[in-house]
C-alpha atoms as a PDB file:
ATOM      1  CA  UNK A   1      87.815 100.622  83.221  1.00  0.00           C
ATOM      2  CA  UNK A   2      85.052  98.309  82.094  1.00  0.00           C
ATOM      3  CA  UNK A   3      86.403  98.423  78.514  1.00  0.00           C
ATOM      4  CA  UNK A   4      89.930  97.619  79.708  1.00  0.00           C
ATOM      5  CA  UNK A   5      88.603  94.609  81.635  1.00  0.00           C
ATOM      6  CA  UNK A   6      86.563  93.472  78.618  1.00  0.00           C
ATOM      7  CA  UNK A   7      89.647  93.792  76.390  1.00  0.00           C
ATOM      8  CA  UNK A   8      91.652  91.738  78.883  1.00  0.00           C
ATOM      9  CA  UNK A   9      89.064  88.933  78.629  1.00  0.00           C
ATOM     10  CA  UNK A  10      88.789  89.154  74.820  1.00  0.00           C
ATOM     11  CA  UNK A  11      92.549  88.583  74.632  1.00  0.00           C
ATOM     12  CA  UNK A  12      92.136  85.296  76.567  1.00  0.00           C
ATOM     13  CA  UNK A  13      94.241  86.394  79.514  1.00  0.00           C
ATOM     14  CA  UNK A  14      94.198  84.083  82.525  1.00  0.00           C
ATOM     15  CA  UNK A  15      92.345  86.201  85.093  1.00  0.00           C
ATOM     16  CA  UNK A  16      88.820  87.625  85.158  1.00  0.00           C
ATOM     17  CA  UNK A  17      88.129  90.904  86.927  1.00  0.00           C
ATOM     18  CA  UNK A  18      85.288  93.108  88.085  1.00  0.00           C
ATOM     19  CA  UNK A  19      85.059  96.703  89.276  1.00  0.00           C
ATOM     20  CA  UNK A  20      83.708  97.143  92.801  1.00  0.00           C
ATOM     21  CA  UNK A  21      82.291 100.591  93.594  1.00  0.00           C
ATOM     22  CA  UNK A  22      83.308 101.678  97.094  1.00  0.00           C
ATOM     23  CA  UNK A  23      81.168 104.826  97.010  1.00  0.00           C
ATOM     24  CA  UNK A  24      82.902 107.850  98.502  1.00  0.00           C
ATOM     25  CA  UNK A  25      85.978 105.690  99.140  1.00  0.00           C
ATOM     26  CA  UNK A  26      86.758 105.010  95.461  1.00  0.00           C
ATOM     27  CA  UNK A  27      86.721 101.740  93.572  1.00  0.00           C
ATOM     28  CA  UNK A  28      88.561  98.451  93.455  1.00  0.00           C
ATOM     29  CA  UNK A  29      89.463  96.199  90.527  1.00  0.00           C
ATOM     30  CA  UNK A  30      89.049  92.662  91.828  1.00  0.00           C
ATOM     31  CA  UNK A  31      90.070  89.304  90.365  1.00  0.00           C
ATOM     32  CA  UNK A  32      87.078  86.985  90.640  1.00  0.00           C
ATOM     33  CA  UNK A  33      88.164  84.065  88.392  1.00  0.00           C
ATOM     34  CA  UNK A  34      91.422  82.504  87.253  1.00  0.00           C
ATOM     35  CA  UNK A  35      92.445  79.898  84.682  1.00  0.00           C
ATOM     36  CA  UNK A  36      93.780  76.673  86.139  1.00  0.00           C
ATOM     37  CA  UNK A  37      96.679  74.719  84.608  1.00  0.00           C
ATOM     38  CA  UNK A  38      94.335  73.220  81.991  1.00  0.00           C
ATOM     39  CA  UNK A  39      93.058  76.664  80.972  1.00  0.00           C
ATOM     40  CA  UNK A  40      89.618  76.213  82.540  1.00  0.00           C
ATOM     41  CA  UNK A  41      88.338  79.401  84.175  1.00  0.00           C
ATOM     42  CA  UNK A  42      87.372  78.844  87.821  1.00  0.00           C
ATOM     43  CA  UNK A  43      85.934  81.353  90.282  1.00  0.00           C
ATOM     44  CA  UNK A  44      88.121  82.561  93.147  1.00  0.00           C
ATOM     45  CA  UNK A  45      87.060  84.116  96.428  1.00  0.00           C
ATOM     46  CA  UNK A  46      88.940  87.404  96.772  1.00  0.00           C
ATOM     47  CA  UNK A  47      90.627  87.667 100.180  1.00  0.00           C
ATOM     48  CA  UNK A  48      89.355  91.220 100.699  1.00  0.00           C
ATOM     49  CA  UNK A  49      85.748  90.016 100.309  1.00  0.00           C
ATOM     50  CA  UNK A  50      86.186  88.546 103.807  1.00  0.00           C
ATOM     51  CA  UNK A  51      83.788  90.145 106.281  1.00  0.00           C
ATOM     52  CA  UNK A  52      85.646  91.846 109.112  1.00  0.00           C
ATOM     53  CA  UNK A  53      84.581  93.180 112.500  1.00  0.00           C
ATOM     54  CA  UNK A  54      86.595  94.934 115.190  1.00  0.00           C
ATOM     55  CA  UNK A  55      85.873  97.449 117.937  1.00  0.00           C
ATOM     56  CA  UNK A  56      86.308 101.152 117.345  1.00  0.00           C
ATOM     57  CA  UNK A  57      89.625 102.250 118.770  1.00  0.00           C
ATOM     58  CA  UNK A  58      92.460 104.653 118.074  1.00  0.00           C
ATOM     59  CA  UNK A  59      95.291 102.599 116.549  1.00  0.00           C
ATOM     60  CA  UNK A  60      97.967 102.895 113.886  1.00  0.00           C
ATOM     61  CA  UNK A  61      97.053 102.332 110.267  1.00  0.00           C
ATOM     62  CA  UNK A  62      99.395  99.325 110.301  1.00  0.00           C
ATOM     63  CA  UNK A  63      97.528  97.801 113.256  1.00  0.00           C
ATOM     64  CA  UNK A  64      94.205  98.371 111.483  1.00  0.00           C
ATOM     65  CA  UNK A  65      95.418  96.640 108.319  1.00  0.00           C
ATOM     66  CA  UNK A  66      96.786  93.773 110.433  1.00  0.00           C
ATOM     67  CA  UNK A  67      93.265  93.256 111.825  1.00  0.00           C
ATOM     68  CA  UNK A  68      92.004  92.820 108.256  1.00  0.00           C
ATOM     69  CA  UNK A  69      94.803  90.327 107.505  1.00  0.00           C
ATOM     70  CA  UNK A  70      94.002  88.365 110.683  1.00  0.00           C
ATOM     71  CA  UNK A  71      90.320  88.174 109.695  1.00  0.00           C
ATOM     72  CA  UNK A  72      91.335  86.858 106.254  1.00  0.00           C
ATOM     73  CA  UNK A  73      93.444  84.154 107.937  1.00  0.00           C
ATOM     74  CA  UNK A  74      90.626  83.239 110.337  1.00  0.00           C
ATOM     75  CA  UNK A  75      88.316  82.816 107.328  1.00  0.00           C
ATOM     76  CA  UNK A  76      90.718  80.204 105.931  1.00  0.00           C
ATOM     77  CA  UNK A  77      92.491  82.308 103.309  1.00  0.00           C
ATOM     78  CA  UNK A  78      96.180  83.189 103.168  1.00  0.00           C
ATOM     79  CA  UNK A  79      96.885  86.285 105.287  1.00  0.00           C
ATOM     80  CA  UNK A  80      98.898  89.108 103.742  1.00  0.00           C
ATOM     81  CA  UNK A  81     101.945  91.099 104.689  1.00  0.00           C
ATOM     82  CA  UNK A  82     101.705  94.878 104.402  1.00  0.00           C
ATOM     83  CA  UNK A  83     104.271  97.067 102.705  1.00  0.00           C
ATOM     84  CA  UNK A  84     105.296  99.129  99.750  1.00  0.00           C
ATOM     85  CA  UNK A  85     108.184 101.488  99.110  1.00  0.00           C
ATOM     86  CA  UNK A  86     108.476 103.830 102.076  1.00  0.00           C
ATOM     87  CA  UNK A  87     105.163 102.737 103.588  1.00  0.00           C
ATOM     88  CA  UNK A  88     106.501 101.306 106.866  1.00  0.00           C
ATOM     89  CA  UNK A  89     106.975 104.732 108.486  1.00  0.00           C
ATOM     90  CA  UNK A  90     103.589 105.893 107.139  1.00  0.00           C
ATOM     91  CA  UNK A  91     101.846 102.805 108.570  1.00  0.00           C
ATOM     92  CA  UNK A  92     103.360 103.277 112.021  1.00  0.00           C
ATOM     93  CA  UNK A  93     103.057 107.058 112.406  1.00  0.00           C
ATOM     94  CA  UNK A  94      99.529 107.377 110.980  1.00  0.00           C
ATOM     95  CA  UNK A  95      96.830 106.966 113.596  1.00  0.00           C
ATOM     96  CA  UNK A  96      93.158 106.500 112.834  1.00  0.00           C
ATOM     97  CA  UNK A  97      90.093 105.866 114.932  1.00  0.00           C
ATOM     98  CA  UNK A  98      87.703 103.386 113.389  1.00  0.00           C
ATOM     99  CA  UNK A  99      85.813 100.187 113.913  1.00  0.00           C
ATOM    100  CA  UNK A 100      84.119  97.726 111.584  1.00  0.00           C
ATOM    101  CA  UNK A 101      80.975  95.670 111.822  1.00  0.00           C
ATOM    102  CA  UNK A 102      80.756  92.766 109.376  1.00  0.00           C
ATOM    103  CA  UNK A 103      82.125  94.760 106.414  1.00  0.00           C
ATOM    104  CA  UNK A 104      84.200  93.503 103.484  1.00  0.00           C
ATOM    105  CA  UNK A 105      87.934  93.924 104.075  1.00  0.00           C
ATOM    106  CA  UNK A 106      88.336  96.083 100.947  1.00  0.00           C
ATOM    107  CA  UNK A 107      85.734  98.566 102.221  1.00  0.00           C
ATOM    108  CA  UNK A 108      87.500  98.832 105.573  1.00  0.00           C
ATOM    109  CA  UNK A 109      90.853  99.222 103.826  1.00  0.00           C
ATOM    110  CA  UNK A 110      89.504 102.025 101.624  1.00  0.00           C
ATOM    111  CA  UNK A 111      87.932 103.804 104.622  1.00  0.00           C
ATOM    112  CA  UNK A 112      91.132 103.496 106.657  1.00  0.00           C
ATOM    113  CA  UNK A 113      93.226 104.979 103.852  1.00  0.00           C
ATOM    114  CA  UNK A 114      90.780 107.898 103.488  1.00  0.00           C
ATOM    115  CA  UNK A 115      90.998 108.527 107.243  1.00  0.00           C
ATOM    116  CA  UNK A 116      94.808 108.597 107.020  1.00  0.00           C
ATOM    117  CA  UNK A 117      94.951 112.136 105.609  1.00  0.00           C
ATOM    118  CA  UNK A 118      94.365 114.160 102.461  1.00  0.00           C
ATOM    119  CA  UNK A 119      96.428 112.052 100.030  1.00  0.00           C
ATOM    120  CA  UNK A 120      94.690 109.442  97.898  1.00  0.00           C
ATOM    121  CA  UNK A 121      96.141 105.938  98.156  1.00  0.00           C
ATOM    122  CA  UNK A 122      96.106 102.894  95.901  1.00  0.00           C
ATOM    123  CA  UNK A 123      96.852  99.299  96.785  1.00  0.00           C
ATOM    124  CA  UNK A 124      97.604  95.992  95.160  1.00  0.00           C
ATOM    125  CA  UNK A 125      97.146  92.619  96.818  1.00  0.00           C
ATOM    126  CA  UNK A 126      99.540  90.231  95.104  1.00  0.00           C
ATOM    127  CA  UNK A 127     100.340  86.572  95.576  1.00  0.00           C
ATOM    128  CA  UNK A 128     104.009  85.850  94.915  1.00  0.00           C
ATOM    129  CA  UNK A 129     105.168  82.564  93.325  1.00  0.00           C
ATOM    130  CA  UNK A 130     106.015  81.104  96.759  1.00  0.00           C
ATOM    131  CA  UNK A 131     102.435  81.782  97.957  1.00  0.00           C
ATOM    132  CA  UNK A 132     103.317  84.829 100.069  1.00  0.00           C
ATOM    133  CA  UNK A 133     100.659  87.556  99.823  1.00  0.00           C
ATOM    134  CA  UNK A 134     101.634  91.218  99.982  1.00  0.00           C
ATOM    135  CA  UNK A 135      99.352  94.236 100.290  1.00  0.00           C
ATOM    136  CA  UNK A 136     101.396  97.102  98.818  1.00  0.00           C
ATOM    137  CA  UNK A 137     100.363 100.723  99.319  1.00  0.00           C
ATOM    138  CA  UNK A 138     101.368 103.694  97.206  1.00  0.00           C
ATOM    139  CA  UNK A 139     100.163 107.274  96.839  1.00  0.00           C
ATOM    140  CA  UNK A 140      98.075 108.072  93.765  1.00  0.00           C
ATOM    141  CA  UNK A 141     100.095 110.397  91.547  1.00  0.00           C
ATOM    142  CA  UNK A 142      99.503 112.178  88.253  1.00  0.00           C
ATOM    143  CA  UNK A 143     102.006 113.485  85.766  1.00  0.00           C
ATOM    144  CA  UNK A 144     102.120 117.288  85.629  1.00  0.00           C
ATOM    145  CA  UNK A 145     103.909 119.643  83.270  1.00  0.00           C
ATOM    146  CA  UNK A 146     105.139 122.785  85.002  1.00  0.00           C
ATOM    147  CA  UNK A 147     106.623 125.063  82.331  1.00  0.00           C
ATOM    148  CA  UNK A 148     108.258 122.170  80.501  1.00  0.00           C
ATOM    149  CA  UNK A 149     109.360 120.303  83.620  1.00  0.00           C
ATOM    150  CA  UNK A 150     107.395 117.065  83.881  1.00  0.00           C
ATOM    151  CA  UNK A 151     107.001 115.520  87.291  1.00  0.00           C
ATOM    152  CA  UNK A 152     104.629 113.599  89.527  1.00  0.00           C
ATOM    153  CA  UNK A 153     102.165 115.219  91.890  1.00  0.00           C
ATOM    154  CA  UNK A 154     100.273 113.409  94.632  1.00  0.00           C
ATOM    155  CA  UNK A 155      96.497 113.430  94.304  1.00  0.00           C
ATOM    156  CA  UNK A 156      94.470 114.644  97.246  1.00  0.00           C
ATOM    157  CA  UNK A 157      90.938 113.766  98.236  1.00  0.00           C
ATOM    158  CA  UNK A 158      88.236 116.209  97.122  1.00  0.00           C
ATOM    159  CA  UNK A 159      86.749 118.280  99.894  1.00  0.00           C
END
């Protein structure tokens, strides 16, 4: 991953990224600088660096992610909408019990997704041209070859 990020920078692409180790909860590739209209690279404060606190309670995964979005908004950044193909049902039917005490939003997000079941999940936080931010969730999948039939298989968390 580090080499891919270094290659991205060597090719003079607009954004600068870093890898954030989330320990047992995985990792996150985070944009930490962006070229302005003149081409000058300027640091950006990633929205999911926002420190978040909320009481421990049983709630849906969607409600938990909304708490992170609200904390981002309260910190002065643009809040995000939550979605992804087929994720609405998953967000509403999946219940987790967790709280947070002054933790970065990305750490809470990673913990919440690990609490949601055995499947591994990935996310992207994108800003659309109109300024709308969307946190999209998707299962982590790998390509498998089963006797000549190639397909995708969901990855599960190691036990």
